[in-house]
PDB file of N, CA and C in Angstrom:
ATOM      1  N   MET A   1      -0.056  11.831  -4.966  1.00  0.00           N
ATOM      2  CA  MET A   1       1.313  12.173  -4.623  1.00  0.00           C
ATOM      3  C   MET A   1       1.738  11.338  -3.411  1.00  0.00           C
ATOM      4  N   LEU A   2       2.934  10.804  -3.459  1.00  0.00           N
ATOM      5  CA  LEU A   2       3.485   9.933  -2.422  1.00  0.00           C
ATOM      6  C   LEU A   2       4.059  10.764  -1.277  1.00  0.00           C
ATOM      7  N   SER A   3       3.795  10.358  -0.046  1.00  0.00           N
ATOM      8  CA  SER A   3       4.370  11.045   1.111  1.00  0.00           C
ATOM      9  C   SER A   3       5.571  10.267   1.637  1.00  0.00           C
ATOM     10  N   ALA A   4       6.391  10.937   2.424  1.00  0.00           N
ATOM     11  CA  ALA A   4       7.547  10.289   3.046  1.00  0.00           C
ATOM     12  C   ALA A   4       7.098   9.140   3.947  1.00  0.00           C
ATOM     13  N   LYS A   5       6.001   9.324   4.671  1.00  0.00           N
ATOM     14  CA  LYS A   5       5.491   8.270   5.560  1.00  0.00           C
ATOM     15  C   LYS A   5       5.038   7.046   4.759  1.00  0.00           C
ATOM     16  N   GLN A   6       4.409   7.268   3.601  1.00  0.00           N
ATOM     17  CA  GLN A   6       3.994   6.147   2.751  1.00  0.00           C
ATOM     18  C   GLN A   6       5.212   5.379   2.259  1.00  0.00           C
ATOM     19  N   LEU A   7       6.239   6.104   1.839  1.00  0.00           N
ATOM     20  CA  LEU A   7       7.461   5.461   1.357  1.00  0.00           C
ATOM     21  C   LEU A   7       8.105   4.651   2.470  1.00  0.00           C
ATOM     22  N   GLU A   8       8.147   5.221   3.658  1.00  0.00           N
ATOM     23  CA  GLU A   8       8.668   4.509   4.828  1.00  0.00           C
ATOM     24  C   GLU A   8       7.904   3.198   5.035  1.00  0.00           C
ATOM     25  N   SER A   9       6.604   3.277   4.935  1.00  0.00           N
ATOM     26  CA  SER A   9       5.747   2.108   5.111  1.00  0.00           C
ATOM     27  C   SER A   9       6.016   1.052   4.043  1.00  0.00           C
ATOM     28  N   TYR A  10       6.168   1.465   2.799  1.00  0.00           N
ATOM     29  CA  TYR A  10       6.463   0.522   1.716  1.00  0.00           C
ATOM     30  C   TYR A  10       7.759  -0.233   1.998  1.00  0.00           C
ATOM     31  N   ILE A  11       8.773   0.481   2.478  1.00  0.00           N
ATOM     32  CA  ILE A  11      10.071  -0.150   2.753  1.00  0.00           C
ATOM     33  C   ILE A  11       9.945  -1.135   3.920  1.00  0.00           C
ATOM     34  N   THR A  12       9.310  -0.700   5.007  1.00  0.00           N
ATOM     35  CA  THR A  12       9.251  -1.555   6.198  1.00  0.00           C
ATOM     36  C   THR A  12       8.326  -2.758   6.028  1.00  0.00           C
ATOM     37  N   GLN A  13       7.442  -2.727   5.055  1.00  0.00           N
ATOM     38  CA  GLN A  13       6.595  -3.890   4.781  1.00  0.00           C
ATOM     39  C   GLN A  13       7.412  -5.060   4.235  1.00  0.00           C
ATOM     40  N   HIS A  14       8.524  -4.763   3.577  1.00  0.00           N
ATOM     41  CA  HIS A  14       9.308  -5.811   2.916  1.00  0.00           C
ATOM     42  C   HIS A  14      10.752  -5.920   3.406  1.00  0.00           C
ATOM     43  N   LEU A  15      11.125  -5.040   4.346  1.00  0.00           N
ATOM     44  CA  LEU A  15      12.501  -5.054   4.837  1.00  0.00           C
ATOM     45  C   LEU A  15      12.479  -4.757   6.337  1.00  0.00           C
ATOM     46  N   SER A  16      13.060  -5.657   7.112  1.00  0.00           N
ATOM     47  CA  SER A  16      13.132  -5.453   8.556  1.00  0.00           C
ATOM     48  C   SER A  16      14.081  -4.288   8.849  1.00  0.00           C
ATOM     49  N   CYS A  17      13.592  -3.265   9.545  1.00  0.00           N
ATOM     50  CA  CYS A  17      14.396  -2.078   9.828  1.00  0.00           C
ATOM     51  C   CYS A  17      14.453  -1.817  11.326  1.00  0.00           C
ATOM     52  N   ASP A  18      15.669  -1.590  11.835  1.00  0.00           N
ATOM     53  CA  ASP A  18      15.831  -1.178  13.222  1.00  0.00           C
ATOM     54  C   ASP A  18      15.540   0.312  13.359  1.00  0.00           C
ATOM     55  N   PHE A  19      15.809   1.058  12.290  1.00  0.00           N
ATOM     56  CA  PHE A  19      15.562   2.497  12.255  1.00  0.00           C
ATOM     57  C   PHE A  19      15.349   2.892  10.800  1.00  0.00           C
ATOM     58  N   ILE A  20      14.400   3.787  10.572  1.00  0.00           N
ATOM     59  CA  ILE A  20      14.197   4.321   9.232  1.00  0.00           C
ATOM     60  C   ILE A  20      13.672   5.736   9.355  1.00  0.00           C
ATOM     61  N   GLU A  21      14.221   6.601   8.534  1.00  0.00           N
ATOM     62  CA  GLU A  21      13.734   7.976   8.444  1.00  0.00           C
ATOM     63  C   GLU A  21      13.735   8.364   6.968  1.00  0.00           C
ATOM     64  N   VAL A  22      12.587   8.779   6.490  1.00  0.00           N
ATOM     65  CA  VAL A  22      12.459   9.201   5.095  1.00  0.00           C
ATOM     66  C   VAL A  22      12.007  10.650   5.087  1.00  0.00           C
ATOM     67  N   ARG A  23      12.664  11.438   4.262  1.00  0.00           N
ATOM     68  CA  ARG A  23      12.297  12.847   4.097  1.00  0.00           C
ATOM     69  C   ARG A  23      12.036  13.129   2.635  1.00  0.00           C
ATOM     70  N   GLY A  24      11.171  14.078   2.414  1.00  0.00           N
ATOM     71  CA  GLY A  24      10.857  14.515   1.062  1.00  0.00           C
ATOM     72  C   GLY A  24       9.524  15.219   1.091  1.00  0.00           C
ATOM     73  N   ASP A  25       9.438  16.331   0.384  1.00  0.00           N
ATOM     74  CA  ASP A  25       8.192  17.089   0.464  1.00  0.00           C
ATOM     75  C   ASP A  25       7.562  17.403  -0.886  1.00  0.00           C
ATOM     76  N   ASP A  26       8.152  16.886  -1.967  1.00  0.00           N
ATOM     77  CA  ASP A  26       7.530  17.173  -3.266  1.00  0.00           C
ATOM     78  C   ASP A  26       6.816  15.967  -3.873  1.00  0.00           C
ATOM     79  N   GLY A  27       6.840  14.831  -3.167  1.00  0.00           N
ATOM     80  CA  GLY A  27       6.115  13.655  -3.625  1.00  0.00           C
ATOM     81  C   GLY A  27       6.850  12.752  -4.589  1.00  0.00           C
ATOM     82  N   THR A  28       8.021  13.168  -5.079  1.00  0.00           N
ATOM     83  CA  THR A  28       8.776  12.325  -6.014  1.00  0.00           C
ATOM     84  C   THR A  28      10.266  12.224  -5.684  1.00  0.00           C
ATOM     85  N   HIS A  29      10.802  13.140  -4.895  1.00  0.00           N
ATOM     86  CA  HIS A  29      12.218  13.142  -4.524  1.00  0.00           C
ATOM     87  C   HIS A  29      12.329  12.915  -3.015  1.00  0.00           C
ATOM     88  N   PHE A  30      13.116  11.890  -2.638  1.00  0.00           N
ATOM     89  CA  PHE A  30      13.190  11.513  -1.226  1.00  0.00           C
ATOM     90  C   PHE A  30      14.628  11.229  -0.803  1.00  0.00           C
ATOM     91  N   GLU A  31      14.846  11.363   0.503  1.00  0.00           N
ATOM     92  CA  GLU A  31      16.100  10.965   1.149  1.00  0.00           C
ATOM     93  C   GLU A  31      15.731   9.987   2.259  1.00  0.00           C
ATOM     94  N   ALA A  32      16.498   8.908   2.370  1.00  0.00           N
ATOM     95  CA  ALA A  32      16.192   7.909   3.392  1.00  0.00           C
ATOM     96  C   ALA A  32      17.455   7.499   4.137  1.00  0.00           C
ATOM     97  N   MET A  33      17.304   7.303   5.434  1.00  0.00           N
ATOM     98  CA  MET A  33      18.342   6.715   6.271  1.00  0.00           C
ATOM     99  C   MET A  33      17.740   5.424   6.814  1.00  0.00           C
ATOM    100  N   ILE A  34      18.400   4.300   6.526  1.00  0.00           N
ATOM    101  CA  ILE A  34      17.829   2.997   6.854  1.00  0.00           C
ATOM    102  C   ILE A  34      18.873   2.143   7.570  1.00  0.00           C
ATOM    103  N   VAL A  35      18.467   1.575   8.707  1.00  0.00           N
ATOM    104  CA  VAL A  35      19.310   0.651   9.466  1.00  0.00           C
ATOM    105  C   VAL A  35      18.588  -0.690   9.476  1.00  0.00           C
ATOM    106  N   SER A  36      19.257  -1.713   8.942  1.00  0.00           N
ATOM    107  CA  SER A  36      18.618  -3.025   8.863  1.00  0.00           C
ATOM    108  C   SER A  36      19.623  -4.143   9.081  1.00  0.00           C
ATOM    109  N   PRO A  37      19.225  -5.173   9.838  1.00  0.00           N
ATOM    110  CA  PRO A  37      20.088  -6.347   9.978  1.00  0.00           C
ATOM    111  C   PRO A  37      20.238  -7.095   8.656  1.00  0.00           C
ATOM    112  N   ALA A  38      19.340  -6.883   7.719  1.00  0.00           N
ATOM    113  CA  ALA A  38      19.434  -7.536   6.404  1.00  0.00           C
ATOM    114  C   ALA A  38      20.652  -7.052   5.622  1.00  0.00           C
ATOM    115  N   PHE A  39      21.245  -5.926   6.040  1.00  0.00           N
ATOM    116  CA  PHE A  39      22.404  -5.369   5.337  1.00  0.00           C
ATOM    117  C   PHE A  39      23.719  -6.024   5.759  1.00  0.00           C
ATOM    118  N   GLU A  40      23.691  -6.840   6.825  1.00  0.00           N
ATOM    119  CA  GLU A  40      24.913  -7.493   7.323  1.00  0.00           C
ATOM    120  C   GLU A  40      25.593  -8.278   6.207  1.00  0.00           C
ATOM    121  N   GLY A  41      26.897  -8.057   6.046  1.00  0.00           N
ATOM    122  CA  GLY A  41      27.685  -8.807   5.074  1.00  0.00           C
ATOM    123  C   GLY A  41      27.452  -8.416   3.630  1.00  0.00           C
ATOM    124  N   LYS A  42      26.728  -7.337   3.395  1.00  0.00           N
ATOM    125  CA  LYS A  42      26.422  -6.919   2.025  1.00  0.00           C
ATOM    126  C   LYS A  42      27.151  -5.613   1.708  1.00  0.00           C
ATOM    127  N   SER A  43      27.506  -5.449   0.445  1.00  0.00           N
ATOM    128  CA  SER A  43      28.120  -4.201   0.000  1.00  0.00           C
ATOM    129  C   SER A  43      27.054  -3.105  -0.028  1.00  0.00           C
ATOM    130  N   MET A  44      27.479  -1.858  -0.158  1.00  0.00           N
ATOM    131  CA  MET A  44      26.526  -0.757  -0.222  1.00  0.00           C
ATOM    132  C   MET A  44      25.578  -0.925  -1.411  1.00  0.00           C
ATOM    133  N   VAL A  45      26.100  -1.369  -2.527  1.00  0.00           N
ATOM    134  CA  VAL A  45      25.266  -1.595  -3.714  1.00  0.00           C
ATOM    135  C   VAL A  45      24.208  -2.663  -3.410  1.00  0.00           C
ATOM    136  N   GLN A  46      24.612  -3.756  -2.771  1.00  0.00           N
ATOM    137  CA  GLN A  46      23.666  -4.817  -2.424  1.00  0.00           C
ATOM    138  C   GLN A  46      22.621  -4.328  -1.413  1.00  0.00           C
ATOM    139  N   GLN A  47      23.038  -3.477  -0.486  1.00  0.00           N
ATOM    140  CA  GLN A  47      22.100  -2.910   0.476  1.00  0.00           C
ATOM    141  C   GLN A  47      21.047  -2.070  -0.242  1.00  0.00           C
ATOM    142  N   HIS A  48      21.496  -1.235  -1.158  1.00  0.00           N
ATOM    143  CA  HIS A  48      20.570  -0.390  -1.919  1.00  0.00           C
ATOM    144  C   HIS A  48      19.648  -1.232  -2.791  1.00  0.00           C
ATOM    145  N   GLN A  49      20.172  -2.311  -3.332  1.00  0.00           N
ATOM    146  CA  GLN A  49      19.341  -3.208  -4.137  1.00  0.00           C
ATOM    147  C   GLN A  49      18.226  -3.833  -3.292  1.00  0.00           C
ATOM    148  N   LEU A  50      18.515  -4.138  -2.026  1.00  0.00           N
ATOM    149  CA  LEU A  50      17.486  -4.667  -1.129  1.00  0.00           C
ATOM    150  C   LEU A  50      16.359  -3.648  -0.939  1.00  0.00           C
ATOM    151  N   VAL A  51      16.728  -2.386  -0.796  1.00  0.00           N
ATOM    152  CA  VAL A  51      15.720  -1.334  -0.626  1.00  0.00           C
ATOM    153  C   VAL A  51      14.910  -1.187  -1.913  1.00  0.00           C
ATOM    154  N   TYR A  52      15.598  -1.149  -3.060  1.00  0.00           N
ATOM    155  CA  TYR A  52      14.894  -1.054  -4.345  1.00  0.00           C
ATOM    156  C   TYR A  52      13.953  -2.244  -4.528  1.00  0.00           C
ATOM    157  N   GLY A  53      14.403  -3.417  -4.107  1.00  0.00           N
ATOM    158  CA  GLY A  53      13.559  -4.609  -4.194  1.00  0.00           C
ATOM    159  C   GLY A  53      12.320  -4.487  -3.327  1.00  0.00           C
ATOM    160  N   ALA A  54      12.474  -3.883  -2.145  1.00  0.00           N
ATOM    161  CA  ALA A  54      11.333  -3.674  -1.252  1.00  0.00           C
ATOM    162  C   ALA A  54      10.321  -2.712  -1.879  1.00  0.00           C
ATOM    163  N   LEU A  55      10.809  -1.780  -2.671  1.00  0.00           N
ATOM    164  CA  LEU A  55       9.920  -0.799  -3.305  1.00  0.00           C
ATOM    165  C   LEU A  55       9.289  -1.317  -4.591  1.00  0.00           C
ATOM    166  N   GLY A  56       9.921  -2.298  -5.212  1.00  0.00           N
ATOM    167  CA  GLY A  56       9.375  -2.890  -6.429  1.00  0.00           C
ATOM    168  C   GLY A  56       9.138  -1.867  -7.530  1.00  0.00           C
ATOM    169  N   ASP A  57       7.997  -1.958  -8.180  1.00  0.00           N
ATOM    170  CA  ASP A  57       7.673  -1.081  -9.310  1.00  0.00           C
ATOM    171  C   ASP A  57       7.463   0.375  -8.915  1.00  0.00           C
ATOM    172  N   ARG A  58       7.285   0.635  -7.645  1.00  0.00           N
ATOM    173  CA  ARG A  58       7.104   2.026  -7.208  1.00  0.00           C
ATOM    174  C   ARG A  58       8.320   2.878  -7.554  1.00  0.00           C
ATOM    175  N   MET A  59       9.495   2.235  -7.602  1.00  0.00           N
ATOM    176  CA  MET A  59      10.716   2.961  -7.917  1.00  0.00           C
ATOM    177  C   MET A  59      10.635   3.537  -9.325  1.00  0.00           C
ATOM    178  N   ARG A  60       9.977   2.856 -10.219  1.00  0.00           N
ATOM    179  CA  ARG A  60       9.848   3.345 -11.590  1.00  0.00           C
ATOM    180  C   ARG A  60       8.610   4.219 -11.779  1.00  0.00           C
ATOM    181  N   ALA A  61       7.561   3.901 -11.055  1.00  0.00           N
ATOM    182  CA  ALA A  61       6.275   4.560 -11.299  1.00  0.00           C
ATOM    183  C   ALA A  61       6.042   5.809 -10.440  1.00  0.00           C
ATOM    184  N   GLU A  62       6.348   5.729  -9.142  1.00  0.00           N
ATOM    185  CA  GLU A  62       5.982   6.816  -8.241  1.00  0.00           C
ATOM    186  C   GLU A  62       7.150   7.660  -7.747  1.00  0.00           C
ATOM    187  N   ILE A  63       8.338   7.096  -7.743  1.00  0.00           N
ATOM    188  CA  ILE A  63       9.496   7.766  -7.146  1.00  0.00           C
ATOM    189  C   ILE A  63      10.471   8.174  -8.235  1.00  0.00           C
ATOM    190  N   HIS A  64      10.743   9.452  -8.295  1.00  0.00           N
ATOM    191  CA  HIS A  64      11.684   9.936  -9.307  1.00  0.00           C
ATOM    192  C   HIS A  64      13.135   9.787  -8.822  1.00  0.00           C
ATOM    193  N   ALA A  65      13.365  10.106  -7.550  1.00  0.00           N
ATOM    194  CA  ALA A  65      14.720  10.029  -7.013  1.00  0.00           C
ATOM    195  C   ALA A  65      14.682   9.620  -5.543  1.00  0.00           C
ATOM    196  N   LEU A  66      15.595   8.720  -5.170  1.00  0.00           N
ATOM    197  CA  LEU A  66      15.731   8.285  -3.786  1.00  0.00           C
ATOM    198  C   LEU A  66      17.203   8.249  -3.431  1.00  0.00           C
ATOM    199  N   SER A  67      17.599   9.137  -2.549  1.00  0.00           N
ATOM    200  CA  SER A  67      18.957   9.167  -2.027  1.00  0.00           C
ATOM    201  C   SER A  67      18.949   8.389  -0.721  1.00  0.00           C
ATOM    202  N   MET A  68      19.868   7.442  -0.563  1.00  0.00           N
ATOM    203  CA  MET A  68      19.867   6.576   0.620  1.00  0.00           C
ATOM    204  C   MET A  68      21.200   6.558   1.343  1.00  0.00           C
ATOM    205  N   LYS A  69      21.090   6.448   2.658  1.00  0.00           N
ATOM    206  CA  LYS A  69      22.225   6.097   3.508  1.00  0.00           C
ATOM    207  C   LYS A  69      21.776   4.838   4.222  1.00  0.00           C
ATOM    208  N   THR A  70      22.527   3.755   4.025  1.00  0.00           N
ATOM    209  CA  THR A  70      22.159   2.473   4.620  1.00  0.00           C
ATOM    210  C   THR A  70      23.254   2.021   5.586  1.00  0.00           C
ATOM    211  N   TYR A  71      22.823   1.443   6.703  1.00  0.00           N
ATOM    212  CA  TYR A  71      23.752   1.012   7.732  1.00  0.00           C
ATOM    213  C   TYR A  71      23.314  -0.319   8.327  1.00  0.00           C
ATOM    214  N   THR A  72      24.297  -1.118   8.730  1.00  0.00           N
ATOM    215  CA  THR A  72      24.004  -2.287   9.553  1.00  0.00           C
ATOM    216  C   THR A  72      23.775  -1.767  10.972  1.00  0.00           C
ATOM    217  N   PRO A  73      23.103  -2.533  11.822  1.00  0.00           N
ATOM    218  CA  PRO A  73      22.918  -2.081  13.207  1.00  0.00           C
ATOM    219  C   PRO A  73      24.242  -1.803  13.916  1.00  0.00           C
ATOM    220  N   GLU A  74      25.251  -2.626  13.638  1.00  0.00           N
ATOM    221  CA  GLU A  74      26.558  -2.449  14.269  1.00  0.00           C
ATOM    222  C   GLU A  74      27.193  -1.122  13.847  1.00  0.00           C
ATOM    223  N   LYS A  75      27.178  -0.824  12.557  1.00  0.00           N
ATOM    224  CA  LYS A  75      27.749   0.418  12.045  1.00  0.00           C
ATOM    225  C   LYS A  75      26.959   1.627  12.583  1.00  0.00           C
ATOM    226  N   TRP A  76      25.653   1.521  12.641  1.00  0.00           N
ATOM    227  CA  TRP A  76      24.798   2.578  13.167  1.00  0.00           C
ATOM    228  C   TRP A  76      25.153   2.861  14.624  1.00  0.00           C
ATOM    229  N   GLN A  77      25.357   1.795  15.397  1.00  0.00           N
ATOM    230  CA  GLN A  77      25.707   1.962  16.803  1.00  0.00           C
ATOM    231  C   GLN A  77      27.062   2.651  16.945  1.00  0.00           C
ATOM    232  N   GLU A  78      28.032   2.270  16.101  1.00  0.00           N
ATOM    233  CA  GLU A  78      29.347   2.916  16.112  1.00  0.00           C
ATOM    234  C   GLU A  78      29.240   4.411  15.835  1.00  0.00           C
ATOM    235  N   LEU A  79      28.433   4.771  14.829  1.00  0.00           N
ATOM    236  CA  LEU A  79      28.283   6.177  14.460  1.00  0.00           C
ATOM    237  C   LEU A  79      27.627   6.997  15.562  1.00  0.00           C
ATOM    238  N   ASN A  80      26.687   6.391  16.262  1.00  0.00           N
ATOM    239  CA  ASN A  80      25.960   7.110  17.297  1.00  0.00           C
ATOM    240  C   ASN A  80      26.672   7.114  18.645  1.00  0.00           C
ATOM    241  N   ALA A  81      27.733   6.307  18.764  1.00  0.00           N
ATOM    242  CA  ALA A  81      28.508   6.275  20.008  1.00  0.00           C
ATOM    243  C   ALA A  81      29.517   7.417  20.065  1.00  0.00           C
ATOM    244  N   LYS A  82      29.747   8.045  18.927  1.00  0.00           N
ATOM    245  CA  LYS A  82      30.762   9.117  18.868  1.00  0.00           C
ATOM    246  C   LYS A  82      30.209  10.415  19.380  1.00  0.00           C
TER     247      LYS A  82
END
């Protein structure tokens, strides 16, 4: 069974992250908040595709559902300044 920490590790191995938090306790359903400079200039769909790419085949084999909130560092800073 996959843990949230393992999923976090899989993502950060292939995607530079300024901040990442993954939650999930059943081993197949997860929620992630990811802040990465790689998201600059990309649409939300493209950002999510980068995360799926970082996970590779695990998305089909080990993970049943992944809900994501993705942010550029600039957008993350704006949200946290409020």
